[in-house]
Amino acid sequence: MKTLIKEKRTEMNITQEELSKKLKVSRQTVISLEKGKYKPSLVLAHKLAQTFGCTIEELFIFEGDENIE
């Protein structure tokens, strides 16, 4: 799964620390999300989408076997 979290965050000119505080998660969680090493819960994905003013589908790009055939 690819994410656009880093791109959206930099567009909004906010730091990883600021985003982590807004979402009430650790900065390490934000780093892992940006690198695609952590798959968020539905609640966290929803909070991210709300923060960036987009849909979950716009923020997370599912590839390969993550899609229904």
PDB file of N, CA and C in Angstrom:
ATOM      1  N   MET A   1       0.845  -1.172   0.000  1.00  0.00           N
ATOM      2  CA  MET A   1       0.000   0.000   0.000  1.00  0.00           C
ATOM      3  C   MET A   1       0.892   1.238   0.000  1.00  0.00           C
ATOM      4  N   LYS A   2       0.617   2.124  -0.908  1.00  0.00           N
ATOM      5  CA  LYS A   2       1.339   3.393  -0.990  1.00  0.00           C
ATOM      6  C   LYS A   2       0.478   4.475  -0.324  1.00  0.00           C
ATOM      7  N   THR A   3       1.130   5.430   0.317  1.00  0.00           N
ATOM      8  CA  THR A   3       0.381   6.529   0.926  1.00  0.00           C
ATOM      9  C   THR A   3       0.879   7.872   0.400  1.00  0.00           C
ATOM     10  N   LEU A   4       0.013   8.846   0.487  1.00  0.00           N
ATOM     11  CA  LEU A   4       0.366  10.214   0.113  1.00  0.00           C
ATOM     12  C   LEU A   4       0.430  11.110   1.350  1.00  0.00           C
ATOM     13  N   ILE A   5       0.635  10.491   2.496  1.00  0.00           N
ATOM     14  CA  ILE A   5       0.638  11.235   3.759  1.00  0.00           C
ATOM     15  C   ILE A   5       1.746  12.294   3.777  1.00  0.00           C
ATOM     16  N   LYS A   6       2.949  11.910   3.405  1.00  0.00           N
ATOM     17  CA  LYS A   6       4.055  12.869   3.434  1.00  0.00           C
ATOM     18  C   LYS A   6       3.789  14.031   2.477  1.00  0.00           C
ATOM     19  N   GLU A   7       3.296  13.716   1.284  1.00  0.00           N
ATOM     20  CA  GLU A   7       3.007  14.764   0.305  1.00  0.00           C
ATOM     21  C   GLU A   7       1.937  15.723   0.825  1.00  0.00           C
ATOM     22  N   LYS A   8       0.876  15.173   1.400  1.00  0.00           N
ATOM     23  CA  LYS A   8      -0.208  16.007   1.938  1.00  0.00           C
ATOM     24  C   LYS A   8       0.292  16.842   3.120  1.00  0.00           C
ATOM     25  N   ARG A   9       1.111  16.222   3.972  1.00  0.00           N
ATOM     26  CA  ARG A   9       1.633  16.929   5.143  1.00  0.00           C
ATOM     27  C   ARG A   9       2.512  18.096   4.721  1.00  0.00           C
ATOM     28  N   THR A  10       3.397  17.867   3.746  1.00  0.00           N
ATOM     29  CA  THR A  10       4.278  18.949   3.311  1.00  0.00           C
ATOM     30  C   THR A  10       3.500  20.041   2.575  1.00  0.00           C
ATOM     31  N   GLU A  11       2.440  19.665   1.844  1.00  0.00           N
ATOM     32  CA  GLU A  11       1.583  20.667   1.202  1.00  0.00           C
ATOM     33  C   GLU A  11       0.961  21.597   2.240  1.00  0.00           C
ATOM     34  N   MET A  12       0.610  21.033   3.403  1.00  0.00           N
ATOM     35  CA  MET A  12       0.005  21.820   4.480  1.00  0.00           C
ATOM     36  C   MET A  12       1.043  22.518   5.336  1.00  0.00           C
ATOM     37  N   ASN A  13       2.333  22.237   5.035  1.00  0.00           N
ATOM     38  CA  ASN A  13       3.437  22.857   5.759  1.00  0.00           C
ATOM     39  C   ASN A  13       3.380  22.581   7.266  1.00  0.00           C
ATOM     40  N   ILE A  14       3.139  21.304   7.615  1.00  0.00           N
ATOM     41  CA  ILE A  14       3.169  20.917   9.022  1.00  0.00           C
ATOM     42  C   ILE A  14       4.227  19.835   9.217  1.00  0.00           C
ATOM     43  N   THR A  15       4.789  19.804  10.394  1.00  0.00           N
ATOM     44  CA  THR A  15       5.842  18.839  10.708  1.00  0.00           C
ATOM     45  C   THR A  15       5.234  17.504  11.123  1.00  0.00           C
ATOM     46  N   GLN A  16       6.078  16.490  11.155  1.00  0.00           N
ATOM     47  CA  GLN A  16       5.639  15.180  11.644  1.00  0.00           C
ATOM     48  C   GLN A  16       5.180  15.296  13.095  1.00  0.00           C
ATOM     49  N   GLU A  17       5.883  16.088  13.863  1.00  0.00           N
ATOM     50  CA  GLU A  17       5.536  16.278  15.276  1.00  0.00           C
ATOM     51  C   GLU A  17       4.154  16.922  15.414  1.00  0.00           C
ATOM     52  N   GLU A  18       3.887  17.944  14.618  1.00  0.00           N
ATOM     53  CA  GLU A  18       2.582  18.615  14.671  1.00  0.00           C
ATOM     54  C   GLU A  18       1.460  17.660  14.270  1.00  0.00           C
ATOM     55  N   LEU A  19       1.705  16.871  13.232  1.00  0.00           N
ATOM     56  CA  LEU A  19       0.695  15.905  12.794  1.00  0.00           C
ATOM     57  C   LEU A  19       0.461  14.849  13.859  1.00  0.00           C
ATOM     58  N   SER A  20       1.526  14.374  14.469  1.00  0.00           N
ATOM     59  CA  SER A  20       1.377  13.344  15.505  1.00  0.00           C
ATOM     60  C   SER A  20       0.560  13.856  16.682  1.00  0.00           C
ATOM     61  N   LYS A  21       0.772  15.101  17.069  1.00  0.00           N
ATOM     62  CA  LYS A  21      -0.002  15.678  18.171  1.00  0.00           C
ATOM     63  C   LYS A  21      -1.466  15.822  17.793  1.00  0.00           C
ATOM     64  N   LYS A  22      -1.728  16.238  16.571  1.00  0.00           N
ATOM     65  CA  LYS A  22      -3.106  16.404  16.102  1.00  0.00           C
ATOM     66  C   LYS A  22      -3.848  15.069  16.090  1.00  0.00           C
ATOM     67  N   LEU A  23      -3.139  14.013  15.702  1.00  0.00           N
ATOM     68  CA  LEU A  23      -3.750  12.680  15.611  1.00  0.00           C
ATOM     69  C   LEU A  23      -3.684  11.905  16.920  1.00  0.00           C
ATOM     70  N   LYS A  24      -2.933  12.427  17.895  1.00  0.00           N
ATOM     71  CA  LYS A  24      -2.729  11.778  19.188  1.00  0.00           C
ATOM     72  C   LYS A  24      -2.039  10.424  19.024  1.00  0.00           C
ATOM     73  N   VAL A  25      -0.983  10.424  18.194  1.00  0.00           N
ATOM     74  CA  VAL A  25      -0.126   9.255  18.014  1.00  0.00           C
ATOM     75  C   VAL A  25       1.324   9.714  18.164  1.00  0.00           C
ATOM     76  N   SER A  26       2.239   8.771  18.217  1.00  0.00           N
ATOM     77  CA  SER A  26       3.652   9.141  18.333  1.00  0.00           C
ATOM     78  C   SER A  26       4.198   9.617  16.984  1.00  0.00           C
ATOM     79  N   ARG A  27       5.271  10.365  17.046  1.00  0.00           N
ATOM     80  CA  ARG A  27       5.938  10.803  15.819  1.00  0.00           C
ATOM     81  C   ARG A  27       6.430   9.593  15.040  1.00  0.00           C
ATOM     82  N   GLN A  28       6.864   8.560  15.746  1.00  0.00           N
ATOM     83  CA  GLN A  28       7.329   7.329  15.094  1.00  0.00           C
ATOM     84  C   GLN A  28       6.207   6.683  14.275  1.00  0.00           C
ATOM     85  N   THR A  29       4.976   6.773  14.755  1.00  0.00           N
ATOM     86  CA  THR A  29       3.834   6.244  13.996  1.00  0.00           C
ATOM     87  C   THR A  29       3.673   7.009  12.690  1.00  0.00           C
ATOM     88  N   VAL A  30       3.802   8.325  12.740  1.00  0.00           N
ATOM     89  CA  VAL A  30       3.704   9.145  11.525  1.00  0.00           C
ATOM     90  C   VAL A  30       4.812   8.765  10.550  1.00  0.00           C
ATOM     91  N   ILE A  31       6.022   8.592  11.057  1.00  0.00           N
ATOM     92  CA  ILE A  31       7.149   8.197  10.211  1.00  0.00           C
ATOM     93  C   ILE A  31       6.851   6.855   9.543  1.00  0.00           C
ATOM     94  N   SER A  32       6.384   5.892  10.312  1.00  0.00           N
ATOM     95  CA  SER A  32       6.065   4.564   9.774  1.00  0.00           C
ATOM     96  C   SER A  32       4.937   4.620   8.751  1.00  0.00           C
ATOM     97  N   LEU A  33       3.943   5.452   9.006  1.00  0.00           N
ATOM     98  CA  LEU A  33       2.851   5.627   8.050  1.00  0.00           C
ATOM     99  C   LEU A  33       3.369   6.201   6.735  1.00  0.00           C
ATOM    100  N   GLU A  34       4.213   7.211   6.833  1.00  0.00           N
ATOM    101  CA  GLU A  34       4.754   7.852   5.635  1.00  0.00           C
ATOM    102  C   GLU A  34       5.615   6.892   4.812  1.00  0.00           C
ATOM    103  N   LYS A  35       6.300   5.996   5.471  1.00  0.00           N
ATOM    104  CA  LYS A  35       7.164   5.034   4.782  1.00  0.00           C
ATOM    105  C   LYS A  35       6.393   3.802   4.307  1.00  0.00           C
ATOM    106  N   GLY A  36       5.106   3.719   4.668  1.00  0.00           N
ATOM    107  CA  GLY A  36       4.306   2.566   4.272  1.00  0.00           C
ATOM    108  C   GLY A  36       4.611   1.314   5.066  1.00  0.00           C
ATOM    109  N   LYS A  37       5.241   1.476   6.229  1.00  0.00           N
ATOM    110  CA  LYS A  37       5.603   0.331   7.065  1.00  0.00           C
ATOM    111  C   LYS A  37       4.535   0.008   8.101  1.00  0.00           C
ATOM    112  N   TYR A  38       3.523   0.839   8.182  1.00  0.00           N
ATOM    113  CA  TYR A  38       2.460   0.646   9.163  1.00  0.00           C
ATOM    114  C   TYR A  38       1.124   0.890   8.488  1.00  0.00           C
ATOM    115  N   LYS A  39       0.209  -0.056   8.638  1.00  0.00           N
ATOM    116  CA  LYS A  39      -1.136   0.096   8.081  1.00  0.00           C
ATOM    117  C   LYS A  39      -2.043   0.591   9.202  1.00  0.00           C
ATOM    118  N   PRO A  40      -2.641   1.760   9.028  1.00  0.00           N
ATOM    119  CA  PRO A  40      -3.428   2.352  10.104  1.00  0.00           C
ATOM    120  C   PRO A  40      -4.774   1.660  10.299  1.00  0.00           C
ATOM    121  N   SER A  41      -5.313   1.837  11.482  1.00  0.00           N
ATOM    122  CA  SER A  41      -6.679   1.386  11.735  1.00  0.00           C
ATOM    123  C   SER A  41      -7.614   2.248  10.892  1.00  0.00           C
ATOM    124  N   LEU A  42      -8.829   1.804  10.747  1.00  0.00           N
ATOM    125  CA  LEU A  42      -9.812   2.571   9.993  1.00  0.00           C
ATOM    126  C   LEU A  42     -10.040   3.937  10.644  1.00  0.00           C
ATOM    127  N   VAL A  43     -10.047   3.975  11.956  1.00  0.00           N
ATOM    128  CA  VAL A  43     -10.243   5.234  12.675  1.00  0.00           C
ATOM    129  C   VAL A  43      -9.099   6.204  12.386  1.00  0.00           C
ATOM    130  N   LEU A  44      -7.863   5.716  12.431  1.00  0.00           N
ATOM    131  CA  LEU A  44      -6.711   6.581  12.164  1.00  0.00           C
ATOM    132  C   LEU A  44      -6.705   7.028  10.703  1.00  0.00           C
ATOM    133  N   ALA A  45      -7.037   6.133   9.790  1.00  0.00           N
ATOM    134  CA  ALA A  45      -7.107   6.502   8.369  1.00  0.00           C
ATOM    135  C   ALA A  45      -8.159   7.592   8.164  1.00  0.00           C
ATOM    136  N   HIS A  46      -9.280   7.478   8.856  1.00  0.00           N
ATOM    137  CA  HIS A  46     -10.349   8.480   8.765  1.00  0.00           C
ATOM    138  C   HIS A  46      -9.865   9.826   9.311  1.00  0.00           C
ATOM    139  N   LYS A  47      -9.164   9.813  10.440  1.00  0.00           N
ATOM    140  CA  LYS A  47      -8.631  11.056  11.018  1.00  0.00           C
ATOM    141  C   LYS A  47      -7.624  11.719  10.071  1.00  0.00           C
ATOM    142  N   LEU A  48      -6.776  10.902   9.446  1.00  0.00           N
ATOM    143  CA  LEU A  48      -5.808  11.435   8.489  1.00  0.00           C
ATOM    144  C   LEU A  48      -6.529  12.095   7.313  1.00  0.00           C
ATOM    145  N   ALA A  49      -7.520  11.414   6.776  1.00  0.00           N
ATOM    146  CA  ALA A  49      -8.272  11.960   5.641  1.00  0.00           C
ATOM    147  C   ALA A  49      -8.969  13.269   6.035  1.00  0.00           C
ATOM    148  N   GLN A  50      -9.554  13.307   7.212  1.00  0.00           N
ATOM    149  CA  GLN A  50     -10.197  14.541   7.684  1.00  0.00           C
ATOM    150  C   GLN A  50      -9.173  15.665   7.821  1.00  0.00           C
ATOM    151  N   THR A  51      -8.023  15.350   8.376  1.00  0.00           N
ATOM    152  CA  THR A  51      -6.967  16.343   8.573  1.00  0.00           C
ATOM    153  C   THR A  51      -6.539  16.963   7.246  1.00  0.00           C
ATOM    154  N   PHE A  52      -6.430  16.112   6.224  1.00  0.00           N
ATOM    155  CA  PHE A  52      -5.946  16.576   4.928  1.00  0.00           C
ATOM    156  C   PHE A  52      -7.069  16.993   3.978  1.00  0.00           C
ATOM    157  N   GLY A  53      -8.314  16.880   4.409  1.00  0.00           N
ATOM    158  CA  GLY A  53      -9.441  17.299   3.574  1.00  0.00           C
ATOM    159  C   GLY A  53      -9.593  16.470   2.311  1.00  0.00           C
ATOM    160  N   CYS A  54      -9.393  15.166   2.453  1.00  0.00           N
ATOM    161  CA  CYS A  54      -9.530  14.275   1.298  1.00  0.00           C
ATOM    162  C   CYS A  54     -10.198  12.979   1.742  1.00  0.00           C
ATOM    163  N   THR A  55     -10.384  12.069   0.819  1.00  0.00           N
ATOM    164  CA  THR A  55     -10.962  10.773   1.172  1.00  0.00           C
ATOM    165  C   THR A  55      -9.845   9.788   1.520  1.00  0.00           C
ATOM    166  N   ILE A  56     -10.226   8.720   2.176  1.00  0.00           N
ATOM    167  CA  ILE A  56      -9.262   7.665   2.496  1.00  0.00           C
ATOM    168  C   ILE A  56      -8.669   7.108   1.200  1.00  0.00           C
ATOM    169  N   GLU A  57      -9.522   6.952   0.187  1.00  0.00           N
ATOM    170  CA  GLU A  57      -9.072   6.399  -1.097  1.00  0.00           C
ATOM    171  C   GLU A  57      -8.046   7.298  -1.784  1.00  0.00           C
ATOM    172  N   GLU A  58      -8.143   8.600  -1.570  1.00  0.00           N
ATOM    173  CA  GLU A  58      -7.176   9.532  -2.150  1.00  0.00           C
ATOM    174  C   GLU A  58      -5.835   9.490  -1.401  1.00  0.00           C
ATOM    175  N   LEU A  59      -5.883   9.110  -0.145  1.00  0.00           N
ATOM    176  CA  LEU A  59      -4.693   9.114   0.704  1.00  0.00           C
ATOM    177  C   LEU A  59      -3.914   7.806   0.646  1.00  0.00           C
ATOM    178  N   PHE A  60      -4.628   6.707   0.463  1.00  0.00           N
ATOM    179  CA  PHE A  60      -4.008   5.382   0.436  1.00  0.00           C
ATOM    180  C   PHE A  60      -4.260   4.725  -0.912  1.00  0.00           C
ATOM    181  N   ILE A  61      -3.193   4.325  -1.575  1.00  0.00           N
ATOM    182  CA  ILE A  61      -3.303   3.675  -2.884  1.00  0.00           C
ATOM    183  C   ILE A  61      -3.019   2.197  -2.677  1.00  0.00           C
ATOM    184  N   PHE A  62      -4.044   1.388  -2.926  1.00  0.00           N
ATOM    185  CA  PHE A  62      -3.916  -0.059  -2.754  1.00  0.00           C
ATOM    186  C   PHE A  62      -3.428  -0.675  -4.053  1.00  0.00           C
ATOM    187  N   GLU A  63      -2.471  -1.581  -3.928  1.00  0.00           N
ATOM    188  CA  GLU A  63      -1.841  -2.173  -5.107  1.00  0.00           C
ATOM    189  C   GLU A  63      -1.873  -3.697  -5.018  1.00  0.00           C
ATOM    190  N   GLY A  64      -1.806  -4.328  -6.165  1.00  0.00           N
ATOM    191  CA  GLY A  64      -1.625  -5.777  -6.246  1.00  0.00           C
ATOM    192  C   GLY A  64      -2.645  -6.583  -5.485  1.00  0.00           C
ATOM    193  N   ASP A  65      -2.157  -7.459  -4.609  1.00  0.00           N
ATOM    194  CA  ASP A  65      -3.033  -8.392  -3.907  1.00  0.00           C
ATOM    195  C   ASP A  65      -3.879  -7.731  -2.831  1.00  0.00           C
ATOM    196  N   GLU A  66      -3.759  -6.448  -2.652  1.00  0.00           N
ATOM    197  CA  GLU A  66      -4.592  -5.736  -1.673  1.00  0.00           C
ATOM    198  C   GLU A  66      -5.973  -5.439  -2.244  1.00  0.00           C
ATOM    199  N   ASN A  67      -6.144  -5.640  -3.550  1.00  0.00           N
ATOM    200  CA  ASN A  67      -7.428  -5.392  -4.215  1.00  0.00           C
ATOM    201  C   ASN A  67      -8.169  -6.703  -4.444  1.00  0.00           C
ATOM    202  N   ILE A  68      -9.483  -6.607  -4.489  1.00  0.00           N
ATOM    203  CA  ILE A  68     -10.308  -7.758  -4.842  1.00  0.00           C
ATOM    204  C   ILE A  68     -10.208  -7.943  -6.346  1.00  0.00           C
ATOM    205  N   GLU A  69     -10.048  -9.170  -6.763  1.00  0.00           N
ATOM    206  CA  GLU A  69      -9.919  -9.425  -8.215  1.00  0.00           C
ATOM    207  C   GLU A  69     -11.269  -9.521  -8.887  1.00  0.00           C
TER     208      GLU A  69
END
